């Protein structure tokens, strides 16, 4: 349930605002719902990684991979798939640590 909530609310927040709103969503939802620190990090990490890889793949398919390949060339990456994977992992790490911070803030205030 938390996984789906993070994906849906982060997608809506990032559609109307900047990318870092997903960190606020992860923080708030893990503050509210998570039961263990490992689960707070893991669920937030997987949800944001799924969201970002899915959205980056959609963008890549929409423009036939032209922009992704050019950006991959700038960073000297061998292909656009690696760029999409790295992007998803970076977003996942931010989301995971944000979820973990939300869990620990709830524990600190309890």
N, C-alpha and C. Protein backbone atom coordinates (compact mmCIF):
# COMPACT_ATOMS: atom_id res chain seq x y z
N UNK A 1 0.81 -1.20 0.00
CA UNK A 1 0.00 0.00 0.00
C UNK A 1 0.86 1.26 0.00
N UNK A 2 1.88 1.27 0.86
CA UNK A 2 2.77 2.43 0.93
C UNK A 2 3.51 2.64 -0.39
N UNK A 3 3.90 1.52 -1.02
CA UNK A 3 4.60 1.55 -2.31
C UNK A 3 3.75 2.27 -3.36
N UNK A 4 2.50 1.88 -3.46
CA UNK A 4 1.61 2.48 -4.46
C UNK A 4 1.31 3.94 -4.13
N UNK A 5 1.11 4.24 -2.85
CA UNK A 5 0.87 5.63 -2.44
C UNK A 5 2.05 6.52 -2.82
N UNK A 6 3.26 6.05 -2.58
CA UNK A 6 4.44 6.85 -2.92
C UNK A 6 4.52 7.07 -4.41
N UNK A 7 4.29 6.03 -5.19
CA UNK A 7 4.36 6.19 -6.65
C UNK A 7 3.32 7.19 -7.14
N UNK A 8 2.08 7.02 -6.72
CA UNK A 8 1.00 7.88 -7.23
C UNK A 8 1.18 9.33 -6.79
N UNK A 9 1.41 9.55 -5.51
CA UNK A 9 1.53 10.92 -5.02
C UNK A 9 2.81 11.60 -5.52
N UNK A 10 3.90 10.84 -5.67
CA UNK A 10 5.13 11.42 -6.21
C UNK A 10 4.96 11.78 -7.68
N UNK A 11 4.28 10.94 -8.42
CA UNK A 11 4.04 11.24 -9.84
C UNK A 11 3.21 12.51 -9.99
N UNK A 12 2.18 12.64 -9.18
CA UNK A 12 1.34 13.84 -9.24
C UNK A 12 2.15 15.07 -8.83
N UNK A 13 2.91 14.95 -7.74
CA UNK A 13 3.70 16.08 -7.26
C UNK A 13 4.76 16.50 -8.28
N UNK A 14 5.43 15.53 -8.91
CA UNK A 14 6.46 15.87 -9.88
C UNK A 14 5.89 16.38 -11.20
N UNK A 15 4.65 16.03 -11.49
CA UNK A 15 4.01 16.54 -12.70
C UNK A 15 3.74 18.03 -12.58
N UNK A 16 3.35 18.46 -11.38
CA UNK A 16 3.00 19.87 -11.18
C UNK A 16 4.11 20.70 -10.55
N UNK A 17 5.16 20.07 -10.05
CA UNK A 17 6.22 20.81 -9.37
C UNK A 17 7.60 20.27 -9.72
N UNK A 18 8.60 20.66 -8.97
CA UNK A 18 9.97 20.21 -9.24
C UNK A 18 10.19 18.75 -8.82
N UNK A 19 11.31 18.19 -9.26
CA UNK A 19 11.61 16.78 -9.02
C UNK A 19 11.74 16.45 -7.54
N UNK A 20 12.21 17.39 -6.73
CA UNK A 20 12.49 17.09 -5.33
C UNK A 20 11.24 17.00 -4.47
N UNK A 21 10.08 17.25 -5.00
CA UNK A 21 8.85 17.05 -4.23
C UNK A 21 8.64 15.59 -3.87
N UNK A 22 9.24 14.69 -4.63
CA UNK A 22 9.12 13.27 -4.31
C UNK A 22 9.78 12.97 -2.96
N UNK A 23 10.81 13.72 -2.59
CA UNK A 23 11.45 13.51 -1.29
C UNK A 23 10.50 13.91 -0.16
N UNK A 24 9.74 14.96 -0.36
CA UNK A 24 8.77 15.39 0.64
C UNK A 24 7.65 14.37 0.76
N UNK A 25 7.21 13.82 -0.36
CA UNK A 25 6.17 12.80 -0.35
C UNK A 25 6.66 11.55 0.39
N UNK A 26 7.88 11.10 0.09
CA UNK A 26 8.45 9.93 0.77
C UNK A 26 8.58 10.18 2.26
N UNK A 27 9.07 11.35 2.63
CA UNK A 27 9.21 11.69 4.04
C UNK A 27 7.86 11.62 4.75
N UNK A 28 6.87 12.29 4.18
CA UNK A 28 5.55 12.37 4.82
C UNK A 28 4.88 11.00 4.92
N UNK A 29 4.93 10.22 3.86
CA UNK A 29 4.26 8.92 3.89
C UNK A 29 4.97 7.93 4.79
N UNK A 30 6.29 7.95 4.82
CA UNK A 30 7.02 7.05 5.73
C UNK A 30 6.89 7.53 7.18
N UNK A 31 6.76 8.81 7.39
CA UNK A 31 6.47 9.34 8.72
C UNK A 31 5.14 8.79 9.21
N UNK A 32 4.18 8.70 8.31
CA UNK A 32 2.84 8.29 8.65
C UNK A 32 2.67 6.77 8.73
N UNK A 33 3.24 6.01 7.78
CA UNK A 33 2.88 4.61 7.64
C UNK A 33 3.95 3.57 7.93
N UNK A 34 5.23 3.89 7.86
CA UNK A 34 6.24 2.83 7.91
C UNK A 34 6.38 2.25 9.31
N UNK A 35 6.74 0.96 9.35
CA UNK A 35 6.82 0.27 10.63
C UNK A 35 8.25 -0.05 11.07
N UNK A 36 9.17 -0.14 10.11
CA UNK A 36 10.57 -0.44 10.42
C UNK A 36 11.47 0.44 9.55
N UNK A 37 12.69 0.71 10.01
CA UNK A 37 13.58 1.55 9.20
C UNK A 37 13.96 0.90 7.87
N UNK A 38 14.17 -0.40 7.87
CA UNK A 38 14.53 -1.08 6.62
C UNK A 38 13.38 -1.01 5.63
N UNK A 39 12.17 -1.16 6.11
CA UNK A 39 11.02 -1.09 5.23
C UNK A 39 10.80 0.35 4.74
N UNK A 40 11.06 1.34 5.58
CA UNK A 40 10.90 2.74 5.16
C UNK A 40 11.87 3.06 4.02
N UNK A 41 13.13 2.67 4.18
CA UNK A 41 14.10 2.93 3.13
C UNK A 41 13.79 2.11 1.88
N UNK A 42 13.53 0.82 2.08
CA UNK A 42 13.33 -0.08 0.95
C UNK A 42 12.13 0.25 0.10
N UNK A 43 11.00 0.51 0.74
CA UNK A 43 9.79 0.82 0.00
C UNK A 43 9.93 2.14 -0.74
N UNK A 44 10.46 3.15 -0.08
CA UNK A 44 10.64 4.45 -0.73
C UNK A 44 11.65 4.34 -1.88
N UNK A 45 12.74 3.61 -1.66
CA UNK A 45 13.75 3.42 -2.71
C UNK A 45 13.14 2.73 -3.92
N UNK A 46 12.45 1.62 -3.70
CA UNK A 46 11.87 0.88 -4.82
C UNK A 46 10.77 1.66 -5.54
N UNK A 47 9.96 2.39 -4.79
CA UNK A 47 8.88 3.15 -5.41
C UNK A 47 9.42 4.26 -6.30
N UNK A 48 10.38 5.01 -5.81
CA UNK A 48 10.93 6.11 -6.62
C UNK A 48 11.76 5.58 -7.78
N UNK A 49 12.50 4.50 -7.56
CA UNK A 49 13.26 3.90 -8.66
C UNK A 49 12.31 3.43 -9.75
N UNK A 50 11.23 2.78 -9.37
CA UNK A 50 10.24 2.33 -10.35
C UNK A 50 9.63 3.51 -11.10
N UNK A 51 9.27 4.54 -10.37
CA UNK A 51 8.66 5.71 -10.98
C UNK A 51 9.61 6.39 -11.97
N UNK A 52 10.83 6.62 -11.55
CA UNK A 52 11.77 7.34 -12.40
C UNK A 52 12.21 6.52 -13.60
N UNK A 53 12.45 5.23 -13.41
CA UNK A 53 12.82 4.39 -14.56
C UNK A 53 11.64 4.28 -15.52
N UNK A 54 10.44 4.15 -14.99
CA UNK A 54 9.26 4.09 -15.85
C UNK A 54 9.06 5.37 -16.64
N UNK A 55 9.19 6.50 -15.97
CA UNK A 55 9.00 7.77 -16.67
C UNK A 55 10.12 8.04 -17.67
N UNK A 56 11.35 7.71 -17.29
CA UNK A 56 12.48 7.91 -18.22
C UNK A 56 12.35 6.99 -19.43
N UNK A 57 11.87 5.78 -19.23
CA UNK A 57 11.66 4.87 -20.36
C UNK A 57 10.56 5.38 -21.27
N UNK A 58 9.49 5.91 -20.67
CA UNK A 58 8.41 6.50 -21.47
C UNK A 58 8.94 7.66 -22.30
N UNK A 59 9.73 8.53 -21.68
CA UNK A 59 10.31 9.66 -22.42
C UNK A 59 11.24 9.18 -23.53
N UNK A 60 12.01 8.14 -23.23
CA UNK A 60 12.95 7.59 -24.21
C UNK A 60 12.20 7.01 -25.41
N UNK A 61 11.12 6.31 -25.17
CA UNK A 61 10.33 5.74 -26.26
C UNK A 61 9.62 6.85 -27.04
N UNK A 62 9.17 7.88 -26.35
CA UNK A 62 8.45 8.97 -27.01
C UNK A 62 9.30 9.71 -28.04
N UNK A 63 10.59 9.89 -27.74
CA UNK A 63 11.44 10.61 -28.69
C UNK A 63 12.41 9.69 -29.43
N UNK A 64 12.09 8.40 -29.43
CA UNK A 64 12.86 7.37 -30.15
C UNK A 64 14.30 7.29 -29.69
N UNK A 65 14.57 7.65 -28.46
CA UNK A 65 15.90 7.50 -27.87
C UNK A 65 16.93 8.53 -28.29
N UNK A 66 16.52 9.55 -29.01
CA UNK A 66 17.47 10.53 -29.52
C UNK A 66 18.08 11.36 -28.39
N UNK A 67 17.25 11.93 -27.54
CA UNK A 67 17.75 12.80 -26.47
C UNK A 67 18.53 12.00 -25.44
N UNK A 68 18.02 10.82 -25.08
CA UNK A 68 18.73 10.00 -24.09
C UNK A 68 20.11 9.60 -24.57
N UNK A 69 20.22 9.28 -25.83
CA UNK A 69 21.53 8.89 -26.37
C UNK A 69 22.49 10.08 -26.39
N UNK A 70 21.99 11.26 -26.71
CA UNK A 70 22.85 12.44 -26.69
C UNK A 70 23.34 12.77 -25.28
N UNK A 71 22.45 12.64 -24.30
CA UNK A 71 22.85 12.88 -22.92
C UNK A 71 23.83 11.80 -22.45
N UNK A 72 23.59 10.56 -22.83
CA UNK A 72 24.52 9.48 -22.50
C UNK A 72 25.89 9.75 -23.11
N UNK A 73 25.93 10.29 -24.32
CA UNK A 73 27.21 10.64 -24.95
C UNK A 73 27.93 11.75 -24.19
N UNK A 74 27.19 12.72 -23.67
CA UNK A 74 27.80 13.79 -22.89
C UNK A 74 28.50 13.24 -21.66
N UNK A 75 27.84 12.28 -20.99
CA UNK A 75 28.42 11.68 -19.78
C UNK A 75 29.31 10.49 -20.08
N UNK A 76 29.58 10.24 -21.35
CA UNK A 76 30.45 9.15 -21.81
C UNK A 76 29.94 7.78 -21.34
N UNK A 77 28.63 7.61 -21.36
CA UNK A 77 28.02 6.33 -21.04
C UNK A 77 27.82 5.55 -22.35
N UNK A 78 27.94 4.23 -22.31
CA UNK A 78 27.87 3.46 -23.56
C UNK A 78 26.50 3.48 -24.23
N UNK A 79 25.41 3.57 -23.46
CA UNK A 79 24.09 3.59 -24.09
C UNK A 79 23.08 4.31 -23.19
N UNK A 80 21.92 4.55 -23.75
CA UNK A 80 20.87 5.27 -23.03
C UNK A 80 20.27 4.42 -21.91
N UNK A 81 20.29 3.10 -22.04
CA UNK A 81 19.76 2.23 -20.99
C UNK A 81 20.51 2.43 -19.69
N UNK A 82 21.82 2.57 -19.75
CA UNK A 82 22.61 2.81 -18.54
C UNK A 82 22.28 4.17 -17.93
N UNK A 83 22.04 5.16 -18.77
CA UNK A 83 21.64 6.48 -18.28
C UNK A 83 20.31 6.41 -17.53
N UNK A 84 19.35 5.69 -18.08
CA UNK A 84 18.05 5.53 -17.44
C UNK A 84 18.19 4.79 -16.11
N UNK A 85 19.02 3.77 -16.08
CA UNK A 85 19.24 3.01 -14.84
C UNK A 85 19.90 3.87 -13.77
N UNK A 86 20.92 4.61 -14.13
CA UNK A 86 21.61 5.48 -13.16
C UNK A 86 20.66 6.56 -12.65
N UNK A 87 19.85 7.11 -13.53
CA UNK A 87 18.87 8.12 -13.13
C UNK A 87 17.89 7.55 -12.11
N UNK A 88 17.40 6.35 -12.37
CA UNK A 88 16.48 5.71 -11.43
C UNK A 88 17.11 5.42 -10.09
N UNK A 89 18.37 4.98 -10.09
CA UNK A 89 19.06 4.69 -8.84
C UNK A 89 19.32 5.94 -8.02
N UNK A 90 19.67 7.03 -8.68
CA UNK A 90 19.89 8.29 -7.96
C UNK A 90 18.58 8.76 -7.33
N UNK A 91 17.50 8.72 -8.09
CA UNK A 91 16.20 9.09 -7.52
C UNK A 91 15.80 8.17 -6.39
N UNK A 92 16.08 6.87 -6.53
CA UNK A 92 15.76 5.91 -5.49
C UNK A 92 16.52 6.15 -4.20
N UNK A 93 17.78 6.52 -4.32
CA UNK A 93 18.58 6.80 -3.12
C UNK A 93 18.04 8.03 -2.40
N UNK A 94 17.69 9.06 -3.15
CA UNK A 94 17.11 10.26 -2.53
C UNK A 94 15.79 9.91 -1.85
N UNK A 95 14.94 9.17 -2.53
CA UNK A 95 13.66 8.78 -1.95
C UNK A 95 13.83 7.87 -0.74
N UNK A 96 14.77 6.93 -0.81
CA UNK A 96 15.01 6.02 0.29
C UNK A 96 15.48 6.72 1.55
N UNK A 97 16.44 7.61 1.40
CA UNK A 97 16.92 8.34 2.58
C UNK A 97 15.86 9.30 3.11
N UNK A 98 15.04 9.84 2.23
CA UNK A 98 13.96 10.70 2.68
C UNK A 98 12.93 9.90 3.48
N UNK A 99 12.59 8.71 3.00
CA UNK A 99 11.68 7.85 3.74
C UNK A 99 12.26 7.44 5.09
N UNK A 100 13.54 7.13 5.11
CA UNK A 100 14.21 6.77 6.36
C UNK A 100 14.20 7.94 7.34
N UNK A 101 14.42 9.14 6.84
CA UNK A 101 14.37 10.33 7.69
C UNK A 101 12.96 10.52 8.25
N UNK A 102 11.94 10.27 7.45
CA UNK A 102 10.56 10.38 7.93
C UNK A 102 10.28 9.40 9.04
N UNK A 103 10.77 8.16 8.89
CA UNK A 103 10.58 7.15 9.93
C UNK A 103 11.27 7.57 11.23
N UNK A 104 12.53 8.01 11.12
CA UNK A 104 13.27 8.38 12.32
C UNK A 104 12.73 9.66 12.98
N UNK A 105 12.16 10.56 12.20
CA UNK A 105 11.53 11.75 12.80
C UNK A 105 10.30 11.36 13.60
N UNK A 106 9.53 10.42 13.09
CA UNK A 106 8.38 9.96 13.87
C UNK A 106 8.82 9.30 15.17
N UNK A 107 9.88 8.49 15.11
CA UNK A 107 10.39 7.84 16.32
C UNK A 107 10.95 8.87 17.30
N UNK A 108 11.58 9.93 16.79
CA UNK A 108 12.13 10.95 17.66
C UNK A 108 11.04 11.77 18.35
N UNK A 109 9.93 11.95 17.68
CA UNK A 109 8.84 12.74 18.25
C UNK A 109 7.92 11.90 19.13
N UNK A 110 8.04 10.59 19.05
CA UNK A 110 7.14 9.72 19.84
C UNK A 110 7.55 9.65 21.30
